[in-house]
Amino acid sequence: MESILQILLITALLSILINTFLKKYDFPPIIGYIIAGAFVTYVFSLRDTSLHILHEISEFGIAFLMFTIGLEFSVTNFKKLKKEVFIFGTFQVVLSGLLFTIISNYLFHLSPQSSIIIGFALALSSTAIVLKIINENRDVQKDYGRMVLGILLFQDLAVIPILLMITFFSTSGVALEIMLINTLISAILVLLILFFAGKYLVTPFLRFVFNSHSHELFIASVLLIATAASYTAYHFGFSYSLGAFIGGMLLAETPFKHQIQADLTPFRDLLLGVFFVSVGMQVSVEFLVSNIADILAVMTTVMLLKAFVIFFILKFFTVASNALKSALALSQVGEFSFVVLELARINGITSQDINQTLIIAVVFSMILTPFIVKNLQTIVEKILRSKEKLTEPFSTTGISGHIVVLGYGSLGQQICKIIKEKGLLYIAIDNKHKLVKTSQENSDPFILGNANQKHILCDANVKNAMAVLITVENDEDTNNLVESVFHLSPTVNIVVSSRVDKSKLMFDKRIRFFVHEHEEVAARMTLHALTCNLTQSAKL
């Protein structure tokens, strides 16, 4: 016990001193924690047996992070991310994992079992680092932030089958079918226990504690719930973090969500600091010095290939800037990879030298990540050589009195041109990907997305807009857009262009101004003919 106390005291002192120095140069504290851990291990020749308790404590840092992530995304919000989680996430993990598996097997001649575990371990990214930074930057609700979050959530879920593969490769005489059935039964039990506890026990319990008006008791109760959810999952063979994430999602449906987030953040950040100290403690300084070239080569190759795979996947679903931002943000290898690689070493699947090379390469990639994520805007602009506002969905948060143009066809483009000439603020929305390039050429702020979706209209800040102009050609789409806009902002001026009579539109009473295309064109052409002024063009 005395040795553990000494380790904690020395590590805490070094972490504070190093981070105080790094803070002056705007370095993230994660780097200070990793350096402190590596320094303490090297100077005092610490061994794994001395660090076991510290590793156990640090796991709760990840669990509390996942708990707070669960609070951000309730079951309802999780459904909204199903494309990001199950499509983008699946493609990313499978394609990245297979690519690294093939490289490990054919280029480095590792065994198939070792190649598979290493391949899928390298496919994982750092939830702890990336989400912390994009949350601080308030990017989590942007399109690229949603994609990053969805992929990270799937990666966290993918840890389970990866750990099962380690068990399968290291266990003889146990049929795969039996393992899968046992895992499925355990998963169902965990979900049922946490669901019923969250619905029928936790909410009344928190209400009872909250009514005591004791802030200390409420914090203790939250810590108890987070720990209990983590232990429940762990008891059935899953990770602490998975149970914490599910527990957080269930509590997100309660009225205590925001208070819990505020109370838990200090504990989460402290335990995450311990986690990154333990990461640094896995670094062998002697091995690092003698193999620095190989380690840097592995790190660079992994990050570049991983970014390429993610960019390739997302390019089919979004604009280039969002795809590139997501790829760069997820290019590193994450904290769960340490768990996977260490278990693989313990079970004889990977050798000590390979394990140490990969661990140090992972640490280096994590050290680079804060600089990459915090400077995504600059990096993307330099790579794509275009202004971000032309490629990333434009946000008008805090802006009012602007004009929102729904539909960026020929009419919508002409309207944007006139509005721009008048010096007014505006933004166009359309779901046709080919129009992104057109908006860039015209220098028009543009959101690629379905304007019937609430979060797209919110990104355009429709509530504070001066007017919404609907220029789509399909009358059914026009009706749907009128309803969506009116539902979000009943007082905004809605102007509709259509080729049918206003009375034929379902929500005609919600339309402030109506422009019949054929009637307006006919009247203007007749006017020109009567005045013999056909050479002049008038603005519509």
Protein backbone atom coordinates (compact mmCIF):
# COMPACT_ATOMS: atom_id res chain seq x y z
CA MET A 1 0.00 0.00 0.00
CA GLU A 2 2.89 2.31 0.77
CA SER A 3 4.42 1.79 -2.70
CA ILE A 4 1.12 2.62 -4.40
CA LEU A 5 0.83 5.79 -2.31
CA GLN A 6 4.36 6.79 -3.30
CA ILE A 7 3.56 6.21 -6.96
CA LEU A 8 0.42 8.31 -6.73
CA LEU A 9 2.17 11.17 -4.91
CA ILE A 10 5.13 11.35 -7.28
CA THR A 11 2.95 10.95 -10.38
CA ALA A 12 0.50 13.62 -9.20
CA LEU A 13 3.32 16.07 -8.50
CA LEU A 14 4.96 15.45 -11.88
CA SER A 15 1.63 15.70 -13.72
CA ILE A 16 0.90 19.07 -12.12
CA LEU A 17 4.37 20.46 -12.79
CA ILE A 18 4.56 19.23 -16.39
CA ASN A 19 1.03 20.34 -17.27
CA THR A 20 1.55 23.74 -15.68
CA PHE A 21 4.56 24.23 -17.95
CA LEU A 22 2.80 22.86 -21.06
CA LYS A 23 -0.26 25.00 -20.40
CA LYS A 24 1.78 28.14 -21.11
CA TYR A 25 2.24 26.86 -24.67
CA ASP A 26 -1.35 25.67 -25.04
CA PHE A 27 -0.45 21.98 -24.98
CA PRO A 28 -3.33 19.67 -23.97
CA PRO A 29 -3.01 18.07 -20.50
CA ILE A 30 -3.21 14.59 -22.03
CA ILE A 31 0.42 14.92 -23.16
CA GLY A 32 1.56 15.91 -19.67
CA TYR A 33 -0.13 12.88 -18.13
CA ILE A 34 1.49 10.49 -20.62
CA ILE A 35 4.95 12.04 -20.14
CA ALA A 36 4.57 11.87 -16.35
CA GLY A 37 3.62 8.20 -16.50
CA ALA A 38 6.53 7.28 -18.75
CA PHE A 39 9.01 9.28 -16.64
CA VAL A 40 7.90 7.72 -13.33
CA THR A 41 8.09 4.19 -14.76
CA TYR A 42 11.57 4.76 -16.20
CA VAL A 43 13.13 6.54 -13.20
CA PHE A 44 11.70 4.25 -10.51
CA SER A 45 11.80 1.02 -12.57
CA LEU A 46 8.17 0.22 -11.84
CA ARG A 47 6.75 -3.14 -12.85
CA ASP A 48 3.29 -4.26 -13.91
CA THR A 49 2.58 -5.70 -10.47
CA SER A 50 3.07 -2.29 -8.92
CA LEU A 51 0.76 -0.64 -11.42
CA HIS A 52 -2.16 -3.08 -11.31
CA ILE A 53 -4.25 -0.97 -8.93
CA LEU A 54 -3.53 2.17 -10.95
CA HIS A 55 -4.74 0.45 -14.13
CA GLU A 56 -7.94 -0.60 -12.36
CA ILE A 57 -8.60 2.97 -11.22
CA SER A 58 -7.92 4.39 -14.67
CA GLU A 59 -10.53 2.11 -16.26
CA PHE A 60 -13.19 4.03 -14.38
CA GLY A 61 -12.07 7.22 -16.13
CA ILE A 62 -13.12 5.68 -19.44
CA ALA A 63 -16.30 4.35 -17.83
CA PHE A 64 -17.28 7.81 -16.56
CA LEU A 65 -16.52 9.29 -19.98
CA MET A 66 -18.86 6.77 -21.60
CA PHE A 67 -21.45 7.47 -18.90
CA THR A 68 -21.47 11.17 -19.76
CA ILE A 69 -21.61 10.33 -23.47
CA GLY A 70 -24.66 8.20 -22.75
CA LEU A 71 -26.23 11.18 -20.99
CA GLU A 72 -25.73 13.28 -24.12
CA PHE A 73 -27.46 10.70 -26.29
CA SER A 74 -30.67 9.23 -25.03
CA VAL A 75 -32.38 6.31 -26.75
CA THR A 76 -34.33 8.84 -28.84
CA ASN A 77 -31.19 10.68 -29.93
CA PHE A 78 -29.36 7.39 -30.52
CA LYS A 79 -32.00 6.47 -33.11
CA LYS A 80 -31.18 9.68 -34.97
CA LEU A 81 -27.56 8.50 -35.24
CA LYS A 82 -28.36 5.05 -36.58
CA LYS A 83 -26.82 5.81 -39.99
CA GLU A 84 -23.64 7.23 -38.44
CA VAL A 85 -23.31 4.34 -35.97
CA PHE A 86 -24.37 1.28 -37.93
CA ILE A 87 -23.44 2.23 -41.50
CA PHE A 88 -20.41 4.50 -41.17
CA GLY A 89 -19.19 2.69 -38.05
CA THR A 90 -19.53 -0.78 -39.56
CA PHE A 91 -17.74 0.15 -42.77
CA GLN A 92 -14.95 1.90 -40.88
CA VAL A 93 -14.20 -0.90 -38.42
CA VAL A 94 -14.51 -3.72 -40.96
CA LEU A 95 -12.53 -2.10 -43.79
CA SER A 96 -9.81 -0.66 -41.53
CA GLY A 97 -9.56 -3.92 -39.58
CA LEU A 98 -9.27 -6.04 -42.73
CA LEU A 99 -6.68 -3.69 -44.27
CA PHE A 100 -4.42 -3.79 -41.20
CA THR A 101 -4.97 -7.56 -40.89
CA ILE A 102 -3.79 -8.11 -44.47
CA ILE A 103 -0.75 -5.87 -43.96
CA SER A 104 0.19 -7.65 -40.72
CA ASN A 105 -0.20 -11.10 -42.27
CA TYR A 106 1.34 -10.66 -45.72
CA LEU A 107 3.92 -7.93 -45.20
CA PHE A 108 5.09 -8.78 -41.67
CA HIS A 109 4.32 -12.51 -41.83
CA LEU A 110 2.47 -12.64 -38.53
CA SER A 111 0.12 -15.50 -37.75
CA PRO A 112 -3.53 -15.16 -38.88
CA GLN A 113 -4.72 -14.94 -35.26
CA SER A 114 -2.18 -12.28 -34.34
CA SER A 115 -2.89 -10.33 -37.55
CA ILE A 116 -6.64 -10.27 -36.94
CA ILE A 117 -6.32 -9.01 -33.36
CA ILE A 118 -3.72 -6.39 -34.28
CA GLY A 119 -5.70 -5.33 -37.35
CA PHE A 120 -8.93 -4.67 -35.49
CA ALA A 121 -7.13 -3.15 -32.49
CA LEU A 122 -5.61 -0.56 -34.83
CA ALA A 123 -9.05 0.12 -36.33
CA LEU A 124 -10.19 1.65 -33.03
CA SER A 125 -9.86 5.37 -32.31
CA SER A 126 -9.64 7.39 -29.09
CA THR A 127 -13.06 8.17 -27.65
CA ALA A 128 -11.47 9.85 -24.64
CA ILE A 129 -9.37 12.35 -26.60
CA VAL A 130 -11.53 13.06 -29.64
CA LEU A 131 -14.88 13.47 -27.88
CA LYS A 132 -13.36 15.62 -25.16
CA ILE A 133 -11.95 18.04 -27.72
CA ILE A 134 -14.95 18.22 -30.07
CA ASN A 135 -17.20 18.71 -27.05
CA GLU A 136 -14.99 21.59 -25.90
CA ASN A 137 -15.09 23.03 -29.43
CA ARG A 138 -18.90 22.60 -29.54
CA ASP A 139 -18.55 20.59 -32.74
CA VAL A 140 -20.46 17.50 -31.64
CA GLN A 141 -23.71 18.71 -33.23
CA LYS A 142 -22.07 19.60 -36.54
CA ASP A 143 -22.30 17.09 -39.36
CA TYR A 144 -18.70 15.97 -39.04
CA GLY A 145 -19.08 15.79 -35.24
CA ARG A 146 -22.11 13.52 -35.58
CA MET A 147 -20.22 11.23 -37.93
CA VAL A 148 -17.22 11.10 -35.61
CA LEU A 149 -19.45 10.37 -32.63
CA GLY A 150 -21.39 7.66 -34.48
CA ILE A 151 -18.22 5.88 -35.59
CA LEU A 152 -16.71 6.11 -32.09
CA LEU A 153 -19.85 4.63 -30.54
CA PHE A 154 -19.74 1.70 -32.94
CA GLN A 155 -16.04 1.20 -32.20
CA ASP A 156 -16.84 1.01 -28.49
CA LEU A 157 -19.43 -1.65 -29.25
CA ALA A 158 -16.96 -3.46 -31.54
CA VAL A 159 -14.57 -3.96 -28.61
CA ILE A 160 -16.83 -6.78 -27.39
CA PRO A 161 -16.42 -9.10 -30.43
CA ILE A 162 -12.69 -8.26 -30.55
CA LEU A 163 -12.28 -9.39 -26.94
CA LEU A 164 -14.33 -12.49 -27.76
CA MET A 165 -11.92 -13.27 -30.61
CA ILE A 166 -9.01 -13.13 -28.16
CA THR A 167 -10.82 -15.58 -25.90
CA PHE A 168 -11.61 -17.84 -28.86
CA PHE A 169 -8.04 -17.81 -30.22
CA SER A 170 -6.56 -18.54 -26.79
CA THR A 171 -9.12 -21.14 -25.69
CA SER A 172 -9.11 -24.68 -26.97
CA GLY A 173 -12.01 -27.08 -26.79
CA VAL A 174 -14.75 -24.42 -26.63
CA ALA A 175 -17.08 -24.26 -29.63
CA LEU A 176 -17.63 -20.86 -31.20
CA GLU A 177 -21.38 -21.44 -31.26
CA ILE A 178 -21.45 -21.91 -27.49
CA MET A 179 -19.44 -18.73 -26.93
CA LEU A 180 -21.77 -16.73 -29.18
CA ILE A 181 -24.88 -18.07 -27.47
CA ASN A 182 -23.47 -17.31 -24.02
CA THR A 183 -22.55 -13.79 -25.12
CA LEU A 184 -26.00 -13.17 -26.59
CA ILE A 185 -27.71 -14.37 -23.41
CA SER A 186 -25.42 -12.20 -21.28
CA ALA A 187 -26.10 -9.15 -23.46
CA ILE A 188 -29.87 -9.61 -23.15
CA LEU A 189 -29.59 -9.98 -19.38
CA VAL A 190 -27.48 -6.82 -19.07
CA LEU A 191 -29.92 -4.79 -21.16
CA LEU A 192 -32.94 -6.07 -19.24
CA ILE A 193 -31.37 -5.42 -15.84
CA LEU A 194 -30.22 -1.91 -16.70
CA PHE A 195 -33.46 -1.03 -18.49
CA PHE A 196 -35.76 -2.06 -15.66
CA ALA A 197 -33.45 -0.60 -13.03
CA GLY A 198 -33.29 2.69 -14.92
CA LYS A 199 -37.03 2.87 -15.46
CA TYR A 200 -38.41 1.66 -12.14
CA LEU A 201 -35.66 2.11 -9.55
CA VAL A 202 -33.16 4.81 -10.51
CA THR A 203 -35.57 7.67 -11.23
CA PRO A 204 -37.54 7.32 -7.95
CA PHE A 205 -34.25 6.87 -6.08
CA LEU A 206 -32.74 10.04 -7.55
CA ARG A 207 -35.95 11.96 -6.90
CA PHE A 208 -35.85 10.83 -3.27
CA VAL A 209 -32.20 11.90 -2.87
CA PHE A 210 -32.71 15.15 -4.79
CA ASN A 211 -35.57 16.13 -2.47
CA SER A 212 -33.21 15.86 0.49
CA HIS A 213 -31.56 19.05 -0.84
CA SER A 214 -28.12 17.59 -0.18
CA HIS A 215 -25.73 18.18 -3.05
CA GLU A 216 -23.17 15.76 -1.61
CA LEU A 217 -25.71 12.93 -1.40
CA PHE A 218 -26.83 13.55 -4.97
CA ILE A 219 -23.24 13.37 -6.27
CA ALA A 220 -22.66 10.17 -4.29
CA SER A 221 -25.84 8.70 -5.75
CA VAL A 222 -24.75 9.50 -9.30
CA LEU A 223 -21.35 7.90 -8.70
CA LEU A 224 -23.10 4.86 -7.26
CA ILE A 225 -25.35 4.51 -10.31
CA ALA A 226 -22.48 4.92 -12.78
CA THR A 227 -20.36 2.37 -10.92
CA ALA A 228 -23.26 -0.07 -10.54
CA ALA A 229 -24.06 0.08 -14.26
CA SER A 230 -20.38 -0.52 -15.08
CA TYR A 231 -20.12 -3.46 -12.70
CA THR A 232 -23.32 -5.05 -14.02
CA ALA A 233 -21.88 -5.19 -17.53
CA TYR A 234 -18.50 -6.37 -16.23
CA HIS A 235 -20.13 -9.13 -14.19
CA PHE A 236 -21.63 -10.58 -17.37
CA GLY A 237 -18.34 -10.48 -19.27
CA PHE A 238 -18.52 -7.06 -20.94
CA SER A 239 -16.44 -3.92 -20.43
CA TYR A 240 -17.06 -1.39 -17.68
CA SER A 241 -17.51 1.34 -20.26
CA LEU A 242 -20.31 -0.44 -22.13
CA GLY A 243 -22.39 -0.72 -18.97
CA ALA A 244 -21.68 2.89 -18.10
CA PHE A 245 -22.74 4.03 -21.56
CA ILE A 246 -26.06 2.17 -21.38
CA GLY A 247 -26.66 3.50 -17.87
CA GLY A 248 -26.04 7.05 -19.07
CA MET A 249 -28.47 6.62 -21.97
CA LEU A 250 -31.19 5.47 -19.59
CA LEU A 251 -30.64 8.41 -17.25
CA ALA A 252 -30.78 10.79 -20.22
CA GLU A 253 -34.54 10.26 -20.22
CA THR A 254 -34.85 11.58 -16.66
CA PRO A 255 -35.19 15.24 -15.58
CA PHE A 256 -31.85 15.00 -13.71
CA LYS A 257 -29.75 14.75 -16.90
CA HIS A 258 -28.16 18.22 -16.81
CA GLN A 259 -27.46 18.18 -13.07
CA ILE A 260 -25.78 14.78 -13.40
CA GLN A 261 -23.58 16.04 -16.24
CA ALA A 262 -22.47 19.04 -14.20
CA ASP A 263 -21.69 16.96 -11.11
CA LEU A 264 -19.87 14.11 -12.85
CA THR A 265 -17.49 16.10 -15.07
CA PRO A 266 -14.79 16.75 -12.39
CA PHE A 267 -14.63 13.05 -11.42
CA ARG A 268 -14.50 11.98 -15.06
CA ASP A 269 -11.65 14.36 -15.93
CA LEU A 270 -9.64 13.33 -12.86
CA LEU A 271 -9.96 9.61 -13.58
CA LEU A 272 -9.20 10.17 -17.26
CA GLY A 273 -5.98 11.83 -16.12
CA VAL A 274 -5.12 8.67 -14.20
CA PHE A 275 -5.87 6.62 -17.31
CA PHE A 276 -3.44 8.59 -19.46
CA VAL A 277 -0.80 8.34 -16.74
CA SER A 278 -1.20 4.56 -16.93
CA VAL A 279 -0.84 4.79 -20.71
CA GLY A 280 2.49 6.54 -20.28
CA MET A 281 3.57 3.89 -17.79
CA GLN A 282 3.30 1.24 -20.52
CA VAL A 283 6.05 2.95 -22.53
CA SER A 284 9.53 1.43 -22.27
CA VAL A 285 12.02 4.27 -22.74
CA GLU A 286 14.87 1.87 -23.62
CA PHE A 287 12.78 0.17 -26.30
CA LEU A 288 11.64 3.56 -27.62
CA VAL A 289 15.19 4.85 -28.07
CA SER A 290 16.45 1.72 -29.83
CA ASN A 291 13.44 1.33 -32.16
CA ILE A 292 12.36 4.93 -32.77
CA ALA A 293 12.51 4.67 -36.59
CA ASP A 294 10.29 1.58 -36.74
CA ILE A 295 7.84 3.07 -34.25
CA LEU A 296 7.47 6.33 -36.19
CA ALA A 297 7.05 4.39 -39.44
CA VAL A 298 4.28 2.26 -37.92
CA MET A 299 2.52 5.31 -36.46
CA THR A 300 2.66 7.27 -39.73
CA THR A 301 1.50 4.34 -41.84
CA VAL A 302 -1.41 3.50 -39.55
CA MET A 303 -2.65 7.09 -39.30
CA LEU A 304 -2.43 7.74 -43.05
CA LEU A 305 -4.11 4.48 -44.06
CA LYS A 306 -6.82 4.86 -41.45
CA ALA A 307 -7.57 8.42 -42.51
CA PHE A 308 -7.71 7.33 -46.15
CA VAL A 309 -10.19 4.52 -45.42
CA ILE A 310 -12.48 6.80 -43.41
CA PHE A 311 -12.34 9.56 -46.03
CA PHE A 312 -13.07 7.04 -48.79
CA ILE A 313 -16.15 5.75 -46.93
CA LEU A 314 -17.61 9.12 -45.96
CA LYS A 315 -16.95 10.80 -49.32
CA PHE A 316 -19.95 8.90 -50.72
CA PHE A 317 -22.26 10.33 -48.06
CA THR A 318 -21.12 13.89 -47.41
CA VAL A 319 -19.04 16.79 -48.70
CA ALA A 320 -15.26 16.51 -48.91
CA SER A 321 -14.53 18.83 -45.98
CA ASN A 322 -16.71 16.87 -43.56
CA ALA A 323 -15.28 13.56 -44.77
CA LEU A 324 -11.72 14.85 -44.36
CA LYS A 325 -12.40 16.35 -40.93
CA SER A 326 -13.86 13.06 -39.71
CA ALA A 327 -10.97 11.09 -41.20
CA LEU A 328 -8.33 13.26 -39.55
CA ALA A 329 -10.14 13.30 -36.20
CA LEU A 330 -10.29 9.49 -36.14
CA SER A 331 -6.86 8.74 -37.63
CA GLN A 332 -5.23 7.91 -34.30
CA VAL A 333 -5.47 4.62 -32.41
CA GLY A 334 -7.47 4.66 -29.19
CA GLU A 335 -7.36 3.69 -25.55
CA PHE A 336 -9.28 0.44 -25.98
CA SER A 337 -6.45 -0.76 -28.22
CA PHE A 338 -4.22 -0.89 -25.13
CA VAL A 339 -6.65 -3.29 -23.50
CA VAL A 340 -6.87 -5.46 -26.63
CA LEU A 341 -3.11 -5.55 -27.23
CA GLU A 342 -2.29 -6.28 -23.59
CA LEU A 343 -4.79 -9.15 -23.43
CA ALA A 344 -3.40 -10.50 -26.69
CA ARG A 345 0.13 -10.46 -25.21
CA ILE A 346 -0.96 -12.12 -21.97
CA ASN A 347 -2.71 -14.88 -23.93
CA GLY A 348 0.32 -15.48 -26.14
CA ILE A 349 -1.24 -14.16 -29.35
CA THR A 350 1.31 -11.35 -29.83
CA SER A 351 4.97 -11.13 -28.81
CA GLN A 352 6.42 -8.64 -26.33
CA ASP A 353 8.41 -6.72 -28.97
CA ILE A 354 5.47 -6.35 -31.33
CA ASN A 355 3.25 -5.34 -28.45
CA GLN A 356 5.68 -2.67 -27.24
CA THR A 357 6.15 -1.29 -30.78
CA LEU A 358 2.41 -0.97 -31.27
CA ILE A 359 1.76 0.50 -27.82
CA ILE A 360 4.36 3.25 -28.26
CA ALA A 361 3.10 3.96 -31.79
CA VAL A 362 -0.42 4.26 -30.38
CA VAL A 363 0.82 6.64 -27.67
CA PHE A 364 2.51 8.84 -30.27
CA SER A 365 -0.66 8.91 -32.38
CA MET A 366 -2.64 9.97 -29.32
CA ILE A 367 -0.14 12.72 -28.55
CA LEU A 368 -0.55 14.10 -32.09
CA THR A 369 -4.35 13.95 -31.99
CA PRO A 370 -5.08 17.10 -29.92
CA PHE A 371 -3.04 19.19 -32.35
CA ILE A 372 -4.82 17.65 -35.33
CA VAL A 373 -8.36 17.94 -33.96
CA LYS A 374 -7.91 21.48 -32.64
CA ASN A 375 -6.61 22.61 -36.04
CA LEU A 376 -8.97 20.67 -38.30
CA GLN A 377 -10.24 23.83 -39.95
CA THR A 378 -6.78 25.01 -40.99
CA ILE A 379 -5.62 21.56 -42.11
CA VAL A 380 -8.73 20.94 -44.21
CA GLU A 381 -8.50 24.36 -45.85
CA LYS A 382 -4.88 23.75 -46.82
CA ILE A 383 -5.58 20.26 -48.17
CA LEU A 384 -8.73 21.13 -50.10
CA ARG A 385 -7.53 24.66 -50.96
CA SER A 386 -11.04 26.07 -50.46
CA LYS A 387 -12.88 28.04 -47.85
CA GLU A 388 -14.57 25.89 -45.24
CA LYS A 389 -17.79 27.82 -45.31
CA LEU A 390 -18.31 26.67 -48.91
CA THR A 391 -18.07 22.99 -48.11
CA GLU A 392 -19.20 22.55 -44.55
CA PRO A 393 -22.87 22.95 -43.64
CA PHE A 394 -23.17 26.59 -42.70
CA SER A 395 -24.33 27.45 -39.19
CA THR A 396 -26.11 30.72 -38.43
CA THR A 397 -26.08 30.29 -34.66
CA GLY A 398 -26.54 33.68 -33.04
CA ILE A 399 -27.51 35.36 -36.34
CA SER A 400 -30.98 36.76 -36.97
CA GLY A 401 -32.78 38.56 -39.77
CA HIS A 402 -31.32 36.35 -42.50
CA ILE A 403 -33.14 34.66 -45.39
CA VAL A 404 -33.30 30.88 -45.78
CA VAL A 405 -33.74 29.56 -49.33
CA LEU A 406 -35.10 26.01 -49.51
CA GLY A 407 -34.18 24.59 -52.90
CA TYR A 408 -31.01 25.49 -54.77
CA GLY A 409 -32.12 24.87 -58.35
CA SER A 410 -31.95 27.52 -61.06
CA LEU A 411 -34.59 29.65 -59.31
CA GLY A 412 -32.97 29.28 -55.91
CA GLN A 413 -29.57 30.23 -57.33
CA GLN A 414 -31.02 33.35 -58.97
CA ILE A 415 -32.69 34.35 -55.69
CA CYS A 416 -29.39 33.92 -53.81
CA LYS A 417 -27.66 36.11 -56.40
CA ILE A 418 -30.19 38.93 -55.92
CA ILE A 419 -30.07 38.68 -52.12
CA LYS A 420 -26.26 38.78 -52.22
CA GLU A 421 -26.32 41.91 -54.40
CA LYS A 422 -28.53 43.60 -51.82
CA GLY A 423 -26.00 42.78 -49.11
CA LEU A 424 -28.36 40.63 -47.03
CA LEU A 425 -27.50 37.51 -45.03
CA TYR A 426 -28.81 34.27 -46.50
CA ILE A 427 -28.29 30.53 -46.68
CA ALA A 428 -29.48 27.88 -49.14
CA ILE A 429 -30.49 24.30 -48.35
CA ASP A 430 -30.77 21.40 -50.80
CA ASN A 431 -30.31 17.64 -50.63
CA LYS A 432 -28.65 17.24 -54.04
CA HIS A 433 -24.94 16.53 -53.63
CA LYS A 434 -24.06 17.82 -57.11
CA LEU A 435 -25.17 21.31 -56.07
CA VAL A 436 -22.36 21.55 -53.51
CA LYS A 437 -19.86 22.36 -56.25
CA THR A 438 -22.27 24.91 -57.72
CA SER A 439 -22.63 26.63 -54.35
CA GLN A 440 -18.83 26.78 -54.07
CA GLU A 441 -18.51 28.35 -57.51
CA ASN A 442 -21.19 30.92 -56.63
CA SER A 443 -19.74 31.51 -53.14
CA ASP A 444 -23.16 30.85 -51.63
CA PRO A 445 -23.42 29.58 -48.01
CA PHE A 446 -24.96 26.15 -48.42
CA ILE A 447 -26.24 23.27 -46.29
CA LEU A 448 -26.37 19.84 -47.87
CA GLY A 449 -29.32 18.04 -46.29
CA ASN A 450 -33.03 17.35 -46.19
CA ALA A 451 -34.82 20.53 -45.13
CA ASN A 452 -37.71 18.45 -43.77
CA GLN A 453 -35.43 17.34 -40.94
CA LYS A 454 -35.58 19.50 -37.84
CA HIS A 455 -31.84 19.58 -37.14
CA ILE A 456 -31.14 20.85 -40.69
CA LEU A 457 -33.58 23.73 -40.22
CA CYS A 458 -32.07 24.39 -36.79
CA ASP A 459 -28.58 24.54 -38.36
CA ALA A 460 -29.96 27.31 -40.59
CA ASN A 461 -31.45 29.02 -37.50
CA VAL A 462 -34.90 29.24 -39.09
CA LYS A 463 -36.40 30.43 -35.80
CA ASN A 464 -34.54 33.74 -36.10
CA ALA A 465 -34.81 34.13 -39.88
CA MET A 466 -36.50 37.10 -41.55
CA ALA A 467 -38.08 34.86 -44.18
CA VAL A 468 -38.02 31.36 -45.63
CA LEU A 469 -38.26 31.09 -49.42
CA ILE A 470 -39.42 27.72 -50.78
CA THR A 471 -38.43 27.18 -54.42
CA VAL A 472 -38.75 23.41 -54.94
CA GLU A 473 -40.66 22.21 -58.01
CA ASN A 474 -42.61 19.33 -56.49
CA ASP A 475 -45.85 20.47 -54.81
CA GLU A 476 -45.82 17.57 -52.33
CA ASP A 477 -42.32 18.58 -51.25
CA THR A 478 -43.55 22.17 -50.96
CA ASN A 479 -46.37 21.10 -48.63
CA ASN A 480 -43.96 19.10 -46.47
CA LEU A 481 -41.51 21.99 -46.24
CA VAL A 482 -44.24 24.48 -45.30
CA GLU A 483 -45.35 22.14 -42.51
CA SER A 484 -41.78 21.57 -41.24
CA VAL A 485 -40.93 25.28 -41.20
CA PHE A 486 -44.23 26.29 -39.61
CA HIS A 487 -43.90 23.60 -36.92
CA LEU A 488 -40.44 24.90 -35.98
CA SER A 489 -41.20 28.63 -36.32
CA PRO A 490 -44.89 29.60 -36.65
CA THR A 491 -44.10 33.33 -36.92
CA VAL A 492 -41.52 33.29 -39.72
CA ASN A 493 -42.56 34.71 -43.11
CA ILE A 494 -42.97 31.84 -45.57
CA VAL A 495 -42.74 32.73 -49.27
CA VAL A 496 -43.61 29.98 -51.77
CA SER A 497 -43.02 29.72 -55.50
CA SER A 498 -45.26 27.22 -57.29
CA ARG A 499 -46.86 26.42 -60.61
CA VAL A 500 -50.26 25.57 -59.09
CA ASP A 501 -52.86 27.78 -57.44
CA LYS A 502 -52.24 28.64 -53.80
CA SER A 503 -55.58 27.10 -52.83
CA LYS A 504 -54.36 23.70 -54.05
CA LEU A 505 -51.55 23.68 -51.53
CA MET A 506 -52.43 21.83 -48.35
CA PHE A 507 -51.06 24.48 -45.96
CA ASP A 508 -51.94 27.59 -47.96
CA LYS A 509 -53.05 29.49 -44.84
CA ARG A 510 -49.55 29.20 -43.39
CA ILE A 511 -47.99 30.84 -46.45
CA ARG A 512 -47.41 34.57 -46.02
CA PHE A 513 -46.62 35.34 -49.68
CA PHE A 514 -47.30 33.24 -52.77
CA VAL A 515 -45.69 33.62 -56.21
CA HIS A 516 -47.29 31.77 -59.12
CA GLU A 517 -44.46 31.16 -61.56
CA HIS A 518 -46.50 31.06 -64.78
CA GLU A 519 -48.59 34.09 -63.86
CA GLU A 520 -45.53 36.17 -62.97
CA VAL A 521 -43.68 35.20 -66.16
CA ALA A 522 -46.78 35.81 -68.29
CA ALA A 523 -47.37 39.25 -66.76
CA ARG A 524 -43.73 40.29 -67.22
CA MET A 525 -43.51 39.05 -70.81
CA THR A 526 -46.76 40.82 -71.70
CA LEU A 527 -45.48 44.03 -70.12
CA HIS A 528 -42.31 43.89 -72.20
CA ALA A 529 -44.26 43.19 -75.37
CA LEU A 530 -46.65 46.09 -74.84
CA THR A 531 -43.85 48.56 -74.09
CA CYS A 532 -41.60 47.19 -76.85
CA ASN A 533 -38.83 47.04 -74.27
CA LEU A 534 -37.75 43.48 -74.90
CA THR A 535 -34.03 44.33 -74.69
CA GLN A 536 -34.12 45.15 -71.01
CA SER A 537 -34.20 42.50 -68.32
CA ALA A 538 -36.06 43.09 -65.11
CA LYS A 539 -35.33 41.57 -61.80
CA LEU A 540 -37.97 39.21 -60.53
